[in-house]
Amino acid sequence: MKNNKIFKMPFSSVYPLYLKKIERKARNKSELDAVICWLTGYDEAALVSQIEKTVDMETFFQEAPQINPNAPQIKGVICGVRVEDLQDPLMQKIRWLDKLVDDLAKGKTKTV
């Protein structure tokens, strides 16, 4: 399955890519962490722990304390696909995060 590769990708390898993306646009790590914690319910210590444990994307979202109840309101296009139209729940969560990071990099303060 095509998505399987994304699901098994370590979150610890994706996180630096997110960070690099936002830093190019004069954003910072604390802003990125706030976005991730808002979506997933992790606190700062738990987020660091997930990165250190090198969990894959699937595990990262499975172990998330609570996906923000407003997450389904995240709308837009990532990789040519509307996030609100995705049928696979895990892929939708991954793309929600991608969309939030993308909006942070663009300087948007509100996605939802």
PDB file of N, CA and C in Angstrom:
ATOM      1  N   MET A   1       0.845  -1.185   0.000  1.00  0.00           N
ATOM      2  CA  MET A   1       0.000   0.000   0.000  1.00  0.00           C
ATOM      3  C   MET A   1       0.888   1.245   0.000  1.00  0.00           C
ATOM      4  N   LYS A   2       0.554   2.200  -0.802  1.00  0.00           N
ATOM      5  CA  LYS A   2       1.333   3.422  -0.959  1.00  0.00           C
ATOM      6  C   LYS A   2       1.480   4.190   0.357  1.00  0.00           C
ATOM      7  N   ASN A   3       0.405   4.295   1.113  1.00  0.00           N
ATOM      8  CA  ASN A   3       0.428   5.046   2.370  1.00  0.00           C
ATOM      9  C   ASN A   3       1.267   4.379   3.441  1.00  0.00           C
ATOM     10  N   ASN A   4       1.464   3.079   3.319  1.00  0.00           N
ATOM     11  CA  ASN A   4       2.205   2.330   4.310  1.00  0.00           C
ATOM     12  C   ASN A   4       3.582   2.937   4.555  1.00  0.00           C
ATOM     13  N   LYS A   5       4.228   3.410   3.503  1.00  0.00           N
ATOM     14  CA  LYS A   5       5.553   4.006   3.619  1.00  0.00           C
ATOM     15  C   LYS A   5       5.506   5.262   4.487  1.00  0.00           C
ATOM     16  N   ILE A   6       4.512   6.083   4.302  1.00  0.00           N
ATOM     17  CA  ILE A   6       4.355   7.298   5.099  1.00  0.00           C
ATOM     18  C   ILE A   6       4.036   6.940   6.546  1.00  0.00           C
ATOM     19  N   PHE A   7       3.177   5.970   6.750  1.00  0.00           N
ATOM     20  CA  PHE A   7       2.775   5.581   8.097  1.00  0.00           C
ATOM     21  C   PHE A   7       3.957   5.056   8.906  1.00  0.00           C
ATOM     22  N   LYS A   8       4.888   4.398   8.241  1.00  0.00           N
ATOM     23  CA  LYS A   8       6.033   3.784   8.925  1.00  0.00           C
ATOM     24  C   LYS A   8       7.247   4.712   9.007  1.00  0.00           C
ATOM     25  N   MET A   9       7.140   5.891   8.440  1.00  0.00           N
ATOM     26  CA  MET A   9       8.226   6.856   8.498  1.00  0.00           C
ATOM     27  C   MET A   9       8.375   7.352   9.942  1.00  0.00           C
ATOM     28  N   PRO A  10       9.601   7.388  10.461  1.00  0.00           N
ATOM     29  CA  PRO A  10       9.779   7.876  11.836  1.00  0.00           C
ATOM     30  C   PRO A  10       9.397   9.356  11.963  1.00  0.00           C
ATOM     31  N   PHE A  11       8.616   9.658  12.980  1.00  0.00           N
ATOM     32  CA  PHE A  11       8.257  11.052  13.225  1.00  0.00           C
ATOM     33  C   PHE A  11       9.520  11.883  13.454  1.00  0.00           C
ATOM     34  N   SER A  12      10.522  11.265  14.071  1.00  0.00           N
ATOM     35  CA  SER A  12      11.772  11.982  14.346  1.00  0.00           C
ATOM     36  C   SER A  12      12.504  12.388  13.070  1.00  0.00           C
ATOM     37  N   SER A  13      12.205  11.769  11.944  1.00  0.00           N
ATOM     38  CA  SER A  13      12.817  12.184  10.682  1.00  0.00           C
ATOM     39  C   SER A  13      11.966  13.240   9.970  1.00  0.00           C
ATOM     40  N   VAL A  14      10.687  13.308  10.289  1.00  0.00           N
ATOM     41  CA  VAL A  14       9.796  14.297   9.692  1.00  0.00           C
ATOM     42  C   VAL A  14       9.888  15.626  10.447  1.00  0.00           C
ATOM     43  N   TYR A  15      10.027  15.546  11.750  1.00  0.00           N
ATOM     44  CA  TYR A  15      10.065  16.748  12.593  1.00  0.00           C
ATOM     45  C   TYR A  15      11.127  17.759  12.135  1.00  0.00           C
ATOM     46  N   PRO A  16      12.379  17.333  11.872  1.00  0.00           N
ATOM     47  CA  PRO A  16      13.376  18.316  11.419  1.00  0.00           C
ATOM     48  C   PRO A  16      13.012  18.968  10.076  1.00  0.00           C
ATOM     49  N   LEU A  17      12.293  18.244   9.239  1.00  0.00           N
ATOM     50  CA  LEU A  17      11.846  18.819   7.967  1.00  0.00           C
ATOM     51  C   LEU A  17      10.807  19.906   8.203  1.00  0.00           C
ATOM     52  N   TYR A  18       9.887  19.646   9.119  1.00  0.00           N
ATOM     53  CA  TYR A  18       8.911  20.665   9.502  1.00  0.00           C
ATOM     54  C   TYR A  18       9.637  21.896  10.056  1.00  0.00           C
ATOM     55  N   LEU A  19      10.599  21.638  10.942  1.00  0.00           N
ATOM     56  CA  LEU A  19      11.336  22.728  11.574  1.00  0.00           C
ATOM     57  C   LEU A  19      12.090  23.562  10.547  1.00  0.00           C
ATOM     58  N   LYS A  20      12.757  22.899   9.639  1.00  0.00           N
ATOM     59  CA  LYS A  20      13.503  23.605   8.590  1.00  0.00           C
ATOM     60  C   LYS A  20      12.551  24.460   7.748  1.00  0.00           C
ATOM     61  N   LYS A  21      11.397  23.908   7.429  1.00  0.00           N
ATOM     62  CA  LYS A  21      10.424  24.626   6.607  1.00  0.00           C
ATOM     63  C   LYS A  21       9.966  25.918   7.278  1.00  0.00           C
ATOM     64  N   ILE A  22       9.642  25.841   8.561  1.00  0.00           N
ATOM     65  CA  ILE A  22       9.132  27.035   9.231  1.00  0.00           C
ATOM     66  C   ILE A  22      10.237  28.031   9.548  1.00  0.00           C
ATOM     67  N   GLU A  23      11.430  27.543   9.824  1.00  0.00           N
ATOM     68  CA  GLU A  23      12.539  28.448  10.132  1.00  0.00           C
ATOM     69  C   GLU A  23      12.937  29.288   8.923  1.00  0.00           C
ATOM     70  N   ARG A  24      12.781  28.736   7.728  1.00  0.00           N
ATOM     71  CA  ARG A  24      13.048  29.526   6.509  1.00  0.00           C
ATOM     72  C   ARG A  24      12.122  30.720   6.401  1.00  0.00           C
ATOM     73  N   LYS A  25      10.993  30.649   7.081  1.00  0.00           N
ATOM     74  CA  LYS A  25      10.001  31.733   7.038  1.00  0.00           C
ATOM     75  C   LYS A  25       9.977  32.518   8.355  1.00  0.00           C
ATOM     76  N   ALA A  26      11.107  32.491   9.072  1.00  0.00           N
ATOM     77  CA  ALA A  26      11.283  33.256  10.309  1.00  0.00           C
ATOM     78  C   ALA A  26      10.336  32.834  11.430  1.00  0.00           C
ATOM     79  N   ARG A  27       9.951  31.573  11.440  1.00  0.00           N
ATOM     80  CA  ARG A  27       9.164  31.020  12.540  1.00  0.00           C
ATOM     81  C   ARG A  27      10.131  30.230  13.412  1.00  0.00           C
ATOM     82  N   ASN A  28       9.672  29.752  14.586  1.00  0.00           N
ATOM     83  CA  ASN A  28      10.606  29.072  15.466  1.00  0.00           C
ATOM     84  C   ASN A  28      10.058  27.755  16.020  1.00  0.00           C
ATOM     85  N   LYS A  29      10.946  27.029  16.677  1.00  0.00           N
ATOM     86  CA  LYS A  29      10.638  25.698  17.203  1.00  0.00           C
ATOM     87  C   LYS A  29       9.461  25.733  18.173  1.00  0.00           C
ATOM     88  N   SER A  30       9.406  26.734  19.036  1.00  0.00           N
ATOM     89  CA  SER A  30       8.312  26.779  20.012  1.00  0.00           C
ATOM     90  C   SER A  30       6.957  26.936  19.316  1.00  0.00           C
ATOM     91  N   GLU A  31       6.921  27.657  18.206  1.00  0.00           N
ATOM     92  CA  GLU A  31       5.679  27.791  17.447  1.00  0.00           C
ATOM     93  C   GLU A  31       5.298  26.451  16.804  1.00  0.00           C
ATOM     94  N   LEU A  32       6.289  25.756  16.271  1.00  0.00           N
ATOM     95  CA  LEU A  32       6.032  24.436  15.684  1.00  0.00           C
ATOM     96  C   LEU A  32       5.514  23.479  16.743  1.00  0.00           C
ATOM     97  N   ASP A  33       6.196  23.444  17.885  1.00  0.00           N
ATOM     98  CA  ASP A  33       5.775  22.545  18.958  1.00  0.00           C
ATOM     99  C   ASP A  33       4.362  22.865  19.435  1.00  0.00           C
ATOM    100  N   ALA A  34       4.029  24.146  19.495  1.00  0.00           N
ATOM    101  CA  ALA A  34       2.682  24.542  19.918  1.00  0.00           C
ATOM    102  C   ALA A  34       1.629  24.012  18.947  1.00  0.00           C
ATOM    103  N   VAL A  35       1.917  24.080  17.661  1.00  0.00           N
ATOM    104  CA  VAL A  35       0.985  23.581  16.646  1.00  0.00           C
ATOM    105  C   VAL A  35       0.820  22.064  16.788  1.00  0.00           C
ATOM    106  N   ILE A  36       1.922  21.357  16.943  1.00  0.00           N
ATOM    107  CA  ILE A  36       1.866  19.896  17.079  1.00  0.00           C
ATOM    108  C   ILE A  36       1.108  19.514  18.347  1.00  0.00           C
ATOM    109  N   CYS A  37       1.404  20.187  19.440  1.00  0.00           N
ATOM    110  CA  CYS A  37       0.729  19.885  20.707  1.00  0.00           C
ATOM    111  C   CYS A  37      -0.758  20.218  20.643  1.00  0.00           C
ATOM    112  N   TRP A  38      -1.106  21.308  19.958  1.00  0.00           N
ATOM    113  CA  TRP A  38      -2.513  21.667  19.803  1.00  0.00           C
ATOM    114  C   TRP A  38      -3.263  20.540  19.094  1.00  0.00           C
ATOM    115  N   LEU A  39      -2.682  20.024  18.025  1.00  0.00           N
ATOM    116  CA  LEU A  39      -3.355  18.990  17.242  1.00  0.00           C
ATOM    117  C   LEU A  39      -3.439  17.665  17.986  1.00  0.00           C
ATOM    118  N   THR A  40      -2.355  17.266  18.630  1.00  0.00           N
ATOM    119  CA  THR A  40      -2.246  15.911  19.175  1.00  0.00           C
ATOM    120  C   THR A  40      -2.560  15.758  20.654  1.00  0.00           C
ATOM    121  N   GLY A  41      -2.479  16.836  21.403  1.00  0.00           N
ATOM    122  CA  GLY A  41      -2.692  16.736  22.844  1.00  0.00           C
ATOM    123  C   GLY A  41      -1.440  16.399  23.620  1.00  0.00           C
ATOM    124  N   TYR A  42      -0.323  16.180  22.922  1.00  0.00           N
ATOM    125  CA  TYR A  42       0.937  15.956  23.637  1.00  0.00           C
ATOM    126  C   TYR A  42       1.322  17.238  24.358  1.00  0.00           C
ATOM    127  N   ASP A  43       1.987  17.089  25.517  1.00  0.00           N
ATOM    128  CA  ASP A  43       2.626  18.257  26.108  1.00  0.00           C
ATOM    129  C   ASP A  43       4.079  18.259  25.615  1.00  0.00           C
ATOM    130  N   GLU A  44       4.823  19.278  25.968  1.00  0.00           N
ATOM    131  CA  GLU A  44       6.189  19.436  25.463  1.00  0.00           C
ATOM    132  C   GLU A  44       7.067  18.222  25.785  1.00  0.00           C
ATOM    133  N   ALA A  45       6.994  17.747  27.024  1.00  0.00           N
ATOM    134  CA  ALA A  45       7.822  16.608  27.438  1.00  0.00           C
ATOM    135  C   ALA A  45       7.453  15.339  26.668  1.00  0.00           C
ATOM    136  N   ALA A  46       6.176  15.105  26.484  1.00  0.00           N
ATOM    137  CA  ALA A  46       5.726  13.916  25.761  1.00  0.00           C
ATOM    138  C   ALA A  46       6.115  13.996  24.283  1.00  0.00           C
ATOM    139  N   LEU A  47       6.075  15.193  23.715  1.00  0.00           N
ATOM    140  CA  LEU A  47       6.488  15.375  22.323  1.00  0.00           C
ATOM    141  C   LEU A  47       7.964  15.041  22.170  1.00  0.00           C
ATOM    142  N   VAL A  48       8.782  15.558  23.055  1.00  0.00           N
ATOM    143  CA  VAL A  48      10.218  15.261  23.022  1.00  0.00           C
ATOM    144  C   VAL A  48      10.448  13.761  23.179  1.00  0.00           C
ATOM    145  N   SER A  49       9.705  13.135  24.066  1.00  0.00           N
ATOM    146  CA  SER A  49       9.831  11.692  24.280  1.00  0.00           C
ATOM    147  C   SER A  49       9.503  10.901  23.013  1.00  0.00           C
ATOM    148  N   GLN A  50       8.442  11.294  22.317  1.00  0.00           N
ATOM    149  CA  GLN A  50       8.072  10.607  21.075  1.00  0.00           C
ATOM    150  C   GLN A  50       9.176  10.755  20.025  1.00  0.00           C
ATOM    151  N   ILE A  51       9.774  11.927  19.969  1.00  0.00           N
ATOM    152  CA  ILE A  51      10.858  12.153  19.015  1.00  0.00           C
ATOM    153  C   ILE A  51      12.064  11.295  19.388  1.00  0.00           C
ATOM    154  N   GLU A  52      12.405  11.258  20.666  1.00  0.00           N
ATOM    155  CA  GLU A  52      13.552  10.474  21.129  1.00  0.00           C
ATOM    156  C   GLU A  52      13.346   8.973  20.942  1.00  0.00           C
ATOM    157  N   LYS A  53      12.102   8.512  21.082  1.00  0.00           N
ATOM    158  CA  LYS A  53      11.808   7.078  20.913  1.00  0.00           C
ATOM    159  C   LYS A  53      11.772   6.670  19.442  1.00  0.00           C
ATOM    160  N   THR A  54      11.861   7.631  18.566  1.00  0.00           N
ATOM    161  CA  THR A  54      11.801   7.421  17.112  1.00  0.00           C
ATOM    162  C   THR A  54      10.591   6.579  16.680  1.00  0.00           C
ATOM    163  N   VAL A  55       9.432   6.924  17.242  1.00  0.00           N
ATOM    164  CA  VAL A  55       8.209   6.224  16.842  1.00  0.00           C
ATOM    165  C   VAL A  55       7.860   6.600  15.407  1.00  0.00           C
ATOM    166  N   ASP A  56       7.166   5.699  14.725  1.00  0.00           N
ATOM    167  CA  ASP A  56       6.731   6.013  13.362  1.00  0.00           C
ATOM    168  C   ASP A  56       5.488   6.907  13.422  1.00  0.00           C
ATOM    169  N   MET A  57       5.103   7.413  12.267  1.00  0.00           N
ATOM    170  CA  MET A  57       3.962   8.332  12.194  1.00  0.00           C
ATOM    171  C   MET A  57       2.683   7.676  12.726  1.00  0.00           C
ATOM    172  N   GLU A  58       2.496   6.417  12.393  1.00  0.00           N
ATOM    173  CA  GLU A  58       1.303   5.707  12.844  1.00  0.00           C
ATOM    174  C   GLU A  58       1.251   5.653  14.372  1.00  0.00           C
ATOM    175  N   THR A  59       2.352   5.266  14.988  1.00  0.00           N
ATOM    176  CA  THR A  59       2.418   5.189  16.445  1.00  0.00           C
ATOM    177  C   THR A  59       2.284   6.569  17.067  1.00  0.00           C
ATOM    178  N   PHE A  60       2.916   7.563  16.460  1.00  0.00           N
ATOM    179  CA  PHE A  60       2.834   8.933  16.972  1.00  0.00           C
ATOM    180  C   PHE A  60       1.379   9.364  17.112  1.00  0.00           C
ATOM    181  N   PHE A  61       0.571   9.103  16.105  1.00  0.00           N
ATOM    182  CA  PHE A  61      -0.829   9.516  16.171  1.00  0.00           C
ATOM    183  C   PHE A  61      -1.675   8.558  17.011  1.00  0.00           C
ATOM    184  N   GLN A  62      -1.337   7.269  17.024  1.00  0.00           N
ATOM    185  CA  GLN A  62      -2.077   6.324  17.863  1.00  0.00           C
ATOM    186  C   GLN A  62      -1.899   6.643  19.344  1.00  0.00           C
ATOM    187  N   GLU A  63      -0.698   7.079  19.714  1.00  0.00           N
ATOM    188  CA  GLU A  63      -0.399   7.364  21.108  1.00  0.00           C
ATOM    189  C   GLU A  63      -0.719   8.802  21.504  1.00  0.00           C
ATOM    190  N   ALA A  64      -1.191   9.593  20.562  1.00  0.00           N
ATOM    191  CA  ALA A  64      -1.536  10.985  20.872  1.00  0.00           C
ATOM    192  C   ALA A  64      -2.615  11.002  21.950  1.00  0.00           C
ATOM    193  N   PRO A  65      -2.412  11.804  22.992  1.00  0.00           N
ATOM    194  CA  PRO A  65      -3.383  11.828  24.087  1.00  0.00           C
ATOM    195  C   PRO A  65      -4.809  12.146  23.637  1.00  0.00           C
ATOM    196  N   GLN A  66      -4.952  13.149  22.759  1.00  0.00           N
ATOM    197  CA  GLN A  66      -6.285  13.486  22.260  1.00  0.00           C
ATOM    198  C   GLN A  66      -6.145  14.406  21.061  1.00  0.00           C
ATOM    199  N   ILE A  67      -6.646  13.944  19.937  1.00  0.00           N
ATOM    200  CA  ILE A  67      -6.670  14.812  18.762  1.00  0.00           C
ATOM    201  C   ILE A  67      -7.645  15.946  19.060  1.00  0.00           C
ATOM    202  N   ASN A  68      -7.229  17.157  18.783  1.00  0.00           N
ATOM    203  CA  ASN A  68      -8.046  18.321  19.075  1.00  0.00           C
ATOM    204  C   ASN A  68      -9.420  18.178  18.419  1.00  0.00           C
ATOM    205  N   PRO A  69     -10.480  18.403  19.176  1.00  0.00           N
ATOM    206  CA  PRO A  69     -11.824  18.258  18.613  1.00  0.00           C
ATOM    207  C   PRO A  69     -12.108  19.215  17.455  1.00  0.00           C
ATOM    208  N   ASN A  70     -11.330  20.289  17.329  1.00  0.00           N
ATOM    209  CA  ASN A  70     -11.510  21.222  16.218  1.00  0.00           C
ATOM    210  C   ASN A  70     -10.737  20.816  14.963  1.00  0.00           C
ATOM    211  N   ALA A  71      -9.935  19.757  15.053  1.00  0.00           N
ATOM    212  CA  ALA A  71      -9.123  19.327  13.908  1.00  0.00           C
ATOM    213  C   ALA A  71      -9.943  19.071  12.642  1.00  0.00           C
ATOM    214  N   PRO A  72     -11.130  18.480  12.731  1.00  0.00           N
ATOM    215  CA  PRO A  72     -11.901  18.253  11.502  1.00  0.00           C
ATOM    216  C   PRO A  72     -12.276  19.535  10.751  1.00  0.00           C
ATOM    217  N   GLN A  73     -12.116  20.674  11.393  1.00  0.00           N
ATOM    218  CA  GLN A  73     -12.401  21.942  10.726  1.00  0.00           C
ATOM    219  C   GLN A  73     -11.230  22.428   9.873  1.00  0.00           C
ATOM    220  N   ILE A  74     -10.091  21.720   9.959  1.00  0.00           N
ATOM    221  CA  ILE A  74      -8.931  22.099   9.145  1.00  0.00           C
ATOM    222  C   ILE A  74      -9.267  21.794   7.693  1.00  0.00           C
ATOM    223  N   LYS A  75      -9.173  22.794   6.876  1.00  0.00           N
ATOM    224  CA  LYS A  75      -9.532  22.668   5.458  1.00  0.00           C
ATOM    225  C   LYS A  75      -8.369  23.127   4.602  1.00  0.00           C
ATOM    226  N   GLY A  76      -8.318  22.636   3.382  1.00  0.00           N
ATOM    227  CA  GLY A  76      -7.311  23.094   2.447  1.00  0.00           C
ATOM    228  C   GLY A  76      -6.692  21.965   1.663  1.00  0.00           C
ATOM    229  N   VAL A  77      -5.712  22.333   0.859  1.00  0.00           N
ATOM    230  CA  VAL A  77      -5.083  21.379  -0.046  1.00  0.00           C
ATOM    231  C   VAL A  77      -3.629  21.171   0.358  1.00  0.00           C
ATOM    232  N   ILE A  78      -3.248  19.917   0.463  1.00  0.00           N
ATOM    233  CA  ILE A  78      -1.860  19.521   0.706  1.00  0.00           C
ATOM    234  C   ILE A  78      -1.533  18.434  -0.306  1.00  0.00           C
ATOM    235  N   CYS A  79      -0.446  18.606  -1.007  1.00  0.00           N
ATOM    236  CA  CYS A  79      -0.023  17.633  -2.031  1.00  0.00           C
ATOM    237  C   CYS A  79      -1.129  17.383  -3.053  1.00  0.00           C
ATOM    238  N   GLY A  80      -1.883  18.432  -3.366  1.00  0.00           N
ATOM    239  CA  GLY A  80      -2.928  18.326  -4.373  1.00  0.00           C
ATOM    240  C   GLY A  80      -4.194  17.635  -3.926  1.00  0.00           C
ATOM    241  N   VAL A  81      -4.301  17.365  -2.632  1.00  0.00           N
ATOM    242  CA  VAL A  81      -5.475  16.660  -2.110  1.00  0.00           C
ATOM    243  C   VAL A  81      -6.116  17.499  -1.010  1.00  0.00           C
ATOM    244  N   ARG A  82      -7.429  17.598  -1.050  1.00  0.00           N
ATOM    245  CA  ARG A  82      -8.154  18.312   0.009  1.00  0.00           C
ATOM    246  C   ARG A  82      -8.132  17.471   1.276  1.00  0.00           C
ATOM    247  N   VAL A  83      -7.630  18.041   2.369  1.00  0.00           N
ATOM    248  CA  VAL A  83      -7.506  17.278   3.613  1.00  0.00           C
ATOM    249  C   VAL A  83      -8.862  16.843   4.153  1.00  0.00           C
ATOM    250  N   GLU A  84      -9.877  17.647   3.907  1.00  0.00           N
ATOM    251  CA  GLU A  84     -11.198  17.290   4.419  1.00  0.00           C
ATOM    252  C   GLU A  84     -11.837  16.137   3.649  1.00  0.00           C
ATOM    253  N   ASP A  85     -11.298  15.781   2.483  1.00  0.00           N
ATOM    254  CA  ASP A  85     -11.848  14.693   1.672  1.00  0.00           C
ATOM    255  C   ASP A  85     -11.151  13.352   1.880  1.00  0.00           C
ATOM    256  N   LEU A  86     -10.082  13.343   2.652  1.00  0.00           N
ATOM    257  CA  LEU A  86      -9.341  12.095   2.857  1.00  0.00           C
ATOM    258  C   LEU A  86     -10.192  11.091   3.626  1.00  0.00           C
ATOM    259  N   GLN A  87     -10.173   9.847   3.180  1.00  0.00           N
ATOM    260  CA  GLN A  87     -10.992   8.811   3.797  1.00  0.00           C
ATOM    261  C   GLN A  87     -10.255   8.050   4.895  1.00  0.00           C
ATOM    262  N   ASP A  88      -8.936   7.900   4.745  1.00  0.00           N
ATOM    263  CA  ASP A  88      -8.153   7.170   5.737  1.00  0.00           C
ATOM    264  C   ASP A  88      -7.907   8.077   6.946  1.00  0.00           C
ATOM    265  N   PRO A  89      -8.365   7.680   8.140  1.00  0.00           N
ATOM    266  CA  PRO A  89      -8.236   8.550   9.316  1.00  0.00           C
ATOM    267  C   PRO A  89      -6.784   8.906   9.658  1.00  0.00           C
ATOM    268  N   LEU A  90      -5.872   7.953   9.528  1.00  0.00           N
ATOM    269  CA  LEU A  90      -4.472   8.242   9.839  1.00  0.00           C
ATOM    270  C   LEU A  90      -3.882   9.208   8.822  1.00  0.00           C
ATOM    271  N   MET A  91      -4.147   8.982   7.552  1.00  0.00           N
ATOM    272  CA  MET A  91      -3.634   9.892   6.529  1.00  0.00           C
ATOM    273  C   MET A  91      -4.212  11.290   6.739  1.00  0.00           C
ATOM    274  N   GLN A  92      -5.458  11.370   7.138  1.00  0.00           N
ATOM    275  CA  GLN A  92      -6.057  12.674   7.378  1.00  0.00           C
ATOM    276  C   GLN A  92      -5.354  13.387   8.526  1.00  0.00           C
ATOM    277  N   LYS A  93      -5.022  12.683   9.587  1.00  0.00           N
ATOM    278  CA  LYS A  93      -4.309  13.299  10.717  1.00  0.00           C
ATOM    279  C   LYS A  93      -2.928  13.785  10.280  1.00  0.00           C
ATOM    280  N   ILE A  94      -2.243  12.978   9.492  1.00  0.00           N
ATOM    281  CA  ILE A  94      -0.923  13.366   8.991  1.00  0.00           C
ATOM    282  C   ILE A  94      -1.048  14.627   8.133  1.00  0.00           C
ATOM    283  N   ARG A  95      -2.033  14.668   7.273  1.00  0.00           N
ATOM    284  CA  ARG A  95      -2.219  15.831   6.397  1.00  0.00           C
ATOM    285  C   ARG A  95      -2.721  17.053   7.162  1.00  0.00           C
ATOM    286  N   TRP A  96      -3.491  16.834   8.236  1.00  0.00           N
ATOM    287  CA  TRP A  96      -3.859  17.965   9.085  1.00  0.00           C
ATOM    288  C   TRP A  96      -2.593  18.625   9.621  1.00  0.00           C
ATOM    289  N   LEU A  97      -1.679  17.790  10.109  1.00  0.00           N
ATOM    290  CA  LEU A  97      -0.430  18.332  10.642  1.00  0.00           C
ATOM    291  C   LEU A  97       0.358  19.038   9.542  1.00  0.00           C
ATOM    292  N   ASP A  98       0.434  18.420   8.375  1.00  0.00           N
ATOM    293  CA  ASP A  98       1.114  19.064   7.252  1.00  0.00           C
ATOM    294  C   ASP A  98       0.503  20.430   6.954  1.00  0.00           C
ATOM    295  N   LYS A  99      -0.818  20.505   6.969  1.00  0.00           N
ATOM    296  CA  LYS A  99      -1.518  21.752   6.664  1.00  0.00           C
ATOM    297  C   LYS A  99      -1.231  22.811   7.720  1.00  0.00           C
ATOM    298  N   LEU A 100      -1.240  22.409   8.977  1.00  0.00           N
ATOM    299  CA  LEU A 100      -0.947  23.360  10.051  1.00  0.00           C
ATOM    300  C   LEU A 100       0.479  23.897   9.943  1.00  0.00           C
ATOM    301  N   VAL A 101       1.427  23.013   9.643  1.00  0.00           N
ATOM    302  CA  VAL A 101       2.817  23.425   9.495  1.00  0.00           C
ATOM    303  C   VAL A 101       2.955  24.348   8.284  1.00  0.00           C
ATOM    304  N   ASP A 102       2.288  23.996   7.220  1.00  0.00           N
ATOM    305  CA  ASP A 102       2.304  24.823   6.012  1.00  0.00           C
ATOM    306  C   ASP A 102       1.766  26.229   6.305  1.00  0.00           C
ATOM    307  N   ASP A 103       0.654  26.289   7.000  1.00  0.00           N
ATOM    308  CA  ASP A 103       0.063  27.582   7.345  1.00  0.00           C
ATOM    309  C   ASP A 103       0.957  28.376   8.291  1.00  0.00           C
ATOM    310  N   LEU A 104       1.600  27.689   9.239  1.00  0.00           N
ATOM    311  CA  LEU A 104       2.541  28.361  10.131  1.00  0.00           C
ATOM    312  C   LEU A 104       3.683  28.972   9.321  1.00  0.00           C
ATOM    313  N   ALA A 105       4.205  28.213   8.398  1.00  0.00           N
ATOM    314  CA  ALA A 105       5.299  28.708   7.549  1.00  0.00           C
ATOM    315  C   ALA A 105       4.863  29.906   6.711  1.00  0.00           C
ATOM    316  N   LYS A 106       3.593  29.941   6.347  1.00  0.00           N
ATOM    317  CA  LYS A 106       3.077  31.054   5.541  1.00  0.00           C
ATOM    318  C   LYS A 106       2.678  32.247   6.397  1.00  0.00           C
ATOM    319  N   GLY A 107       2.809  32.104   7.704  1.00  0.00           N
ATOM    320  CA  GLY A 107       2.486  33.206   8.601  1.00  0.00           C
ATOM    321  C   GLY A 107       1.031  33.310   8.982  1.00  0.00           C
ATOM    322  N   LYS A 108       0.255  32.299   8.626  1.00  0.00           N
ATOM    323  CA  LYS A 108      -1.166  32.320   8.983  1.00  0.00           C
ATOM    324  C   LYS A 108      -1.297  31.990  10.458  1.00  0.00           C
ATOM    325  N   THR A 109      -2.135  32.714  11.138  1.00  0.00           N
ATOM    326  CA  THR A 109      -2.336  32.477  12.561  1.00  0.00           C
ATOM    327  C   THR A 109      -3.570  31.632  12.845  1.00  0.00           C
ATOM    328  N   LYS A 110      -4.375  31.414  11.834  1.00  0.00           N
ATOM    329  CA  LYS A 110      -5.598  30.666  12.053  1.00  0.00           C
ATOM    330  C   LYS A 110      -5.895  29.778  10.850  1.00  0.00           C
ATOM    331  N   THR A 111      -5.961  28.471  11.089  1.00  0.00           N
ATOM    332  CA  THR A 111      -6.345  27.518  10.066  1.00  0.00           C
ATOM    333  C   THR A 111      -7.755  27.029  10.344  1.00  0.00           C
ATOM    334  N   VAL A 112      -8.069  26.951  11.616  1.00  0.00           N
ATOM    335  CA  VAL A 112      -9.361  26.414  12.038  1.00  0.00           C
ATOM    336  C   VAL A 112     -10.247  27.544  12.476  1.00  0.00           C
TER     337      VAL A 112
END
